[in-house]
N, C-alpha and C. Protein backbone atom coordinates (compact mmCIF):
# COMPACT_ATOMS: atom_id res chain seq x y z
N MET A 1 146.93 46.83 71.12
CA MET A 1 146.75 47.88 72.10
C MET A 1 148.04 48.69 72.13
N THR A 2 147.88 49.97 72.43
CA THR A 2 149.03 50.86 72.51
C THR A 2 149.16 51.39 73.93
N SER A 3 150.35 51.74 74.31
CA SER A 3 150.60 52.26 75.65
C SER A 3 150.61 53.78 75.60
N THR A 4 149.83 54.41 76.49
CA THR A 4 149.73 55.87 76.53
C THR A 4 149.78 56.33 77.98
N THR A 5 150.44 57.43 78.21
CA THR A 5 150.48 58.02 79.54
C THR A 5 149.44 59.13 79.60
N ILE A 6 148.59 59.08 80.62
CA ILE A 6 147.58 60.11 80.85
C ILE A 6 147.85 60.70 82.22
N LYS A 7 148.02 62.01 82.27
CA LYS A 7 148.27 62.69 83.54
C LYS A 7 146.92 63.00 84.20
N VAL A 8 146.71 62.43 85.38
CA VAL A 8 145.50 62.70 86.16
C VAL A 8 145.92 62.90 87.61
N PRO A 9 145.09 63.59 88.38
CA PRO A 9 145.41 63.72 89.80
C PRO A 9 145.49 62.35 90.47
N LYS A 10 146.27 62.27 91.53
CA LYS A 10 146.47 60.99 92.24
C LYS A 10 145.14 60.42 92.73
N ALA A 11 144.26 61.27 93.22
CA ALA A 11 142.96 60.79 93.71
C ALA A 11 142.15 60.14 92.58
N THR A 12 142.20 60.73 91.40
CA THR A 12 141.49 60.15 90.25
C THR A 12 142.11 58.82 89.85
N ARG A 13 143.43 58.76 89.82
CA ARG A 13 144.12 57.51 89.48
C ARG A 13 143.74 56.42 90.48
N ASP A 14 143.73 56.75 91.77
CA ASP A 14 143.38 55.77 92.79
C ASP A 14 141.95 55.28 92.62
N ARG A 15 141.02 56.19 92.30
CA ARG A 15 139.62 55.79 92.09
C ARG A 15 139.50 54.86 90.89
N LEU A 16 140.23 55.17 89.81
CA LEU A 16 140.19 54.30 88.63
C LEU A 16 140.72 52.91 88.95
N HIS A 17 141.80 52.85 89.71
CA HIS A 17 142.35 51.54 90.10
C HIS A 17 141.36 50.76 90.97
N ARG A 18 140.68 51.47 91.89
CA ARG A 18 139.69 50.79 92.74
C ARG A 18 138.53 50.27 91.90
N LEU A 19 138.06 51.07 90.93
CA LEU A 19 136.97 50.62 90.06
C LEU A 19 137.38 49.39 89.27
N ALA A 20 138.59 49.42 88.73
CA ALA A 20 139.08 48.28 87.95
C ALA A 20 139.21 47.04 88.83
N ALA A 21 139.70 47.20 90.04
CA ALA A 21 139.87 46.06 90.93
C ALA A 21 138.52 45.48 91.35
N ALA A 22 137.51 46.35 91.56
CA ALA A 22 136.20 45.89 92.00
C ALA A 22 135.45 45.17 90.88
N ASP A 23 135.59 45.65 89.65
CA ASP A 23 134.86 45.06 88.53
C ASP A 23 135.59 43.90 87.88
N GLY A 24 136.88 43.82 88.11
CA GLY A 24 137.64 42.71 87.55
C GLY A 24 138.43 43.02 86.29
N PRO A 25 137.92 43.89 85.38
CA PRO A 25 138.69 44.11 84.15
C PRO A 25 139.93 44.95 84.40
N ALA A 26 140.76 45.02 83.41
CA ALA A 26 141.97 45.83 83.51
C ALA A 26 141.60 47.31 83.53
N LEU A 27 142.55 48.12 83.94
CA LEU A 27 142.32 49.56 84.03
C LEU A 27 141.88 50.12 82.68
N ALA A 28 142.51 49.70 81.60
CA ALA A 28 142.15 50.19 80.26
C ALA A 28 140.69 49.85 79.93
N GLN A 29 140.24 48.67 80.32
CA GLN A 29 138.85 48.28 80.07
C GLN A 29 137.90 49.14 80.89
N GLU A 30 138.30 49.48 82.10
CA GLU A 30 137.45 50.33 82.95
C GLU A 30 137.33 51.72 82.34
N ILE A 31 138.41 52.25 81.82
CA ILE A 31 138.37 53.57 81.18
C ILE A 31 137.48 53.51 79.94
N ASP A 32 137.61 52.45 79.14
CA ASP A 32 136.73 52.28 77.97
C ASP A 32 135.27 52.27 78.39
N LYS A 33 134.96 51.57 79.47
CA LYS A 33 133.58 51.49 79.95
C LYS A 33 133.07 52.87 80.35
N LEU A 34 133.90 53.65 81.06
CA LEU A 34 133.49 54.99 81.47
C LEU A 34 133.25 55.90 80.27
N VAL A 35 134.11 55.80 79.27
CA VAL A 35 133.96 56.63 78.07
C VAL A 35 132.72 56.23 77.30
N ASP A 36 132.47 54.93 77.17
CA ASP A 36 131.31 54.45 76.42
C ASP A 36 130.00 54.80 77.10
N GLU A 37 129.99 54.84 78.43
CA GLU A 37 128.75 55.12 79.17
C GLU A 37 128.42 56.60 79.23
N ARG A 38 129.38 57.44 78.90
CA ARG A 38 129.14 58.89 78.98
C ARG A 38 128.16 59.29 77.89
N PRO A 39 127.13 60.06 78.27
CA PRO A 39 126.18 60.50 77.25
C PRO A 39 126.83 61.50 76.30
N PRO A 40 126.36 61.56 75.06
CA PRO A 40 126.94 62.51 74.11
C PRO A 40 126.67 63.95 74.56
N ARG A 41 127.56 64.84 74.20
CA ARG A 41 127.36 66.25 74.54
C ARG A 41 126.19 66.81 73.74
N PRO A 42 125.37 67.65 74.38
CA PRO A 42 124.26 68.24 73.63
C PRO A 42 124.78 69.28 72.63
N LYS A 43 124.05 69.45 71.56
CA LYS A 43 124.42 70.46 70.58
C LYS A 43 124.12 71.84 71.17
N PRO A 44 124.96 72.82 70.87
CA PRO A 44 124.71 74.17 71.38
C PRO A 44 123.38 74.70 70.86
N THR A 45 122.66 75.40 71.72
CA THR A 45 121.37 75.96 71.32
C THR A 45 121.46 77.45 71.04
N ILE A 46 122.57 78.08 71.42
CA ILE A 46 122.74 79.49 71.14
C ILE A 46 124.11 79.71 70.52
N GLY A 47 124.30 80.87 69.93
CA GLY A 47 125.59 81.20 69.36
C GLY A 47 125.76 80.62 67.98
N GLY A 48 126.75 81.10 67.32
CA GLY A 48 127.03 80.62 65.98
C GLY A 48 126.04 81.17 64.97
N PHE A 49 126.36 81.03 63.73
CA PHE A 49 125.49 81.51 62.66
C PHE A 49 125.54 80.50 61.52
N ARG A 50 124.40 80.12 61.05
CA ARG A 50 124.31 79.19 59.93
C ARG A 50 123.56 79.90 58.80
N SER A 51 124.09 79.81 57.62
CA SER A 51 123.39 80.40 56.49
C SER A 51 123.19 79.33 55.42
N GLY A 52 122.33 79.63 54.49
CA GLY A 52 122.05 78.68 53.44
C GLY A 52 123.19 78.52 52.45
N GLY A 53 124.02 79.54 52.33
CA GLY A 53 125.12 79.46 51.37
C GLY A 53 126.24 80.39 51.78
N SER A 54 127.37 80.21 51.16
CA SER A 54 128.51 81.05 51.50
C SER A 54 128.41 82.38 50.77
N LEU A 55 129.05 83.41 51.32
CA LEU A 55 129.05 84.73 50.72
C LEU A 55 130.47 85.11 50.33
N THR A 56 130.59 85.93 49.32
CA THR A 56 131.90 86.46 48.97
C THR A 56 132.20 87.64 49.88
N ALA A 57 133.44 88.07 49.89
CA ALA A 57 133.83 89.21 50.71
C ALA A 57 133.04 90.45 50.33
N GLU A 58 132.80 90.64 49.04
CA GLU A 58 132.04 91.80 48.58
C GLU A 58 130.60 91.76 49.09
N GLU A 59 130.00 90.56 49.08
CA GLU A 59 128.62 90.43 49.57
C GLU A 59 128.55 90.70 51.07
N ILE A 60 129.55 90.24 51.81
CA ILE A 60 129.59 90.50 53.25
C ILE A 60 129.72 92.00 53.50
N ASP A 61 130.63 92.67 52.78
CA ASP A 61 130.80 94.11 52.92
C ASP A 61 129.50 94.85 52.63
N ALA A 62 128.80 94.43 51.58
CA ALA A 62 127.54 95.09 51.21
C ALA A 62 126.49 94.90 52.31
N ARG A 63 126.39 93.72 52.87
CA ARG A 63 125.41 93.49 53.95
C ARG A 63 125.77 94.26 55.21
N LEU A 64 127.05 94.33 55.52
CA LEU A 64 127.48 95.09 56.70
C LEU A 64 127.23 96.58 56.50
N ALA A 65 127.41 97.08 55.30
CA ALA A 65 127.20 98.49 55.03
C ALA A 65 125.74 98.86 55.24
N VAL A 66 124.83 97.95 54.96
CA VAL A 66 123.41 98.20 55.12
C VAL A 66 123.02 98.16 56.59
N THR A 67 123.60 97.26 57.36
CA THR A 67 123.17 97.06 58.75
C THR A 67 124.01 97.81 59.77
N THR A 68 125.18 98.33 59.39
CA THR A 68 126.08 98.99 60.32
C THR A 68 126.08 100.49 60.05
N PRO A 69 125.81 101.32 61.08
CA PRO A 69 125.85 102.77 60.87
C PRO A 69 127.27 103.22 60.56
N GLU A 70 127.36 104.27 59.78
CA GLU A 70 128.67 104.81 59.40
C GLU A 70 129.36 105.38 60.64
N VAL A 71 130.63 105.06 60.78
CA VAL A 71 131.42 105.56 61.91
C VAL A 71 132.19 106.77 61.41
N THR A 72 132.04 107.88 62.11
CA THR A 72 132.77 109.09 61.72
C THR A 72 133.94 109.31 62.66
N GLY A 73 134.94 110.02 62.19
CA GLY A 73 136.12 110.31 63.01
C GLY A 73 135.77 111.25 64.15
N ARG A 74 136.56 111.21 65.22
CA ARG A 74 136.28 112.06 66.38
C ARG A 74 137.13 113.28 66.37
């Protein structure tokens, strides 16, 4: 086991100590239990772009030229 300092608010630290004291295991074991019981984060459903393959810079420029209107000087 390694020793690590984690900065948390005093109220959170006190709650963790109370949980550890009530359940019997050491504070580190209580933190492990909390981390293990946390459900995994859901995958994002929006944003990002996935394509079937990578494009070269020239291919990206060509696709942007087709989909982006020409900007003229003011």
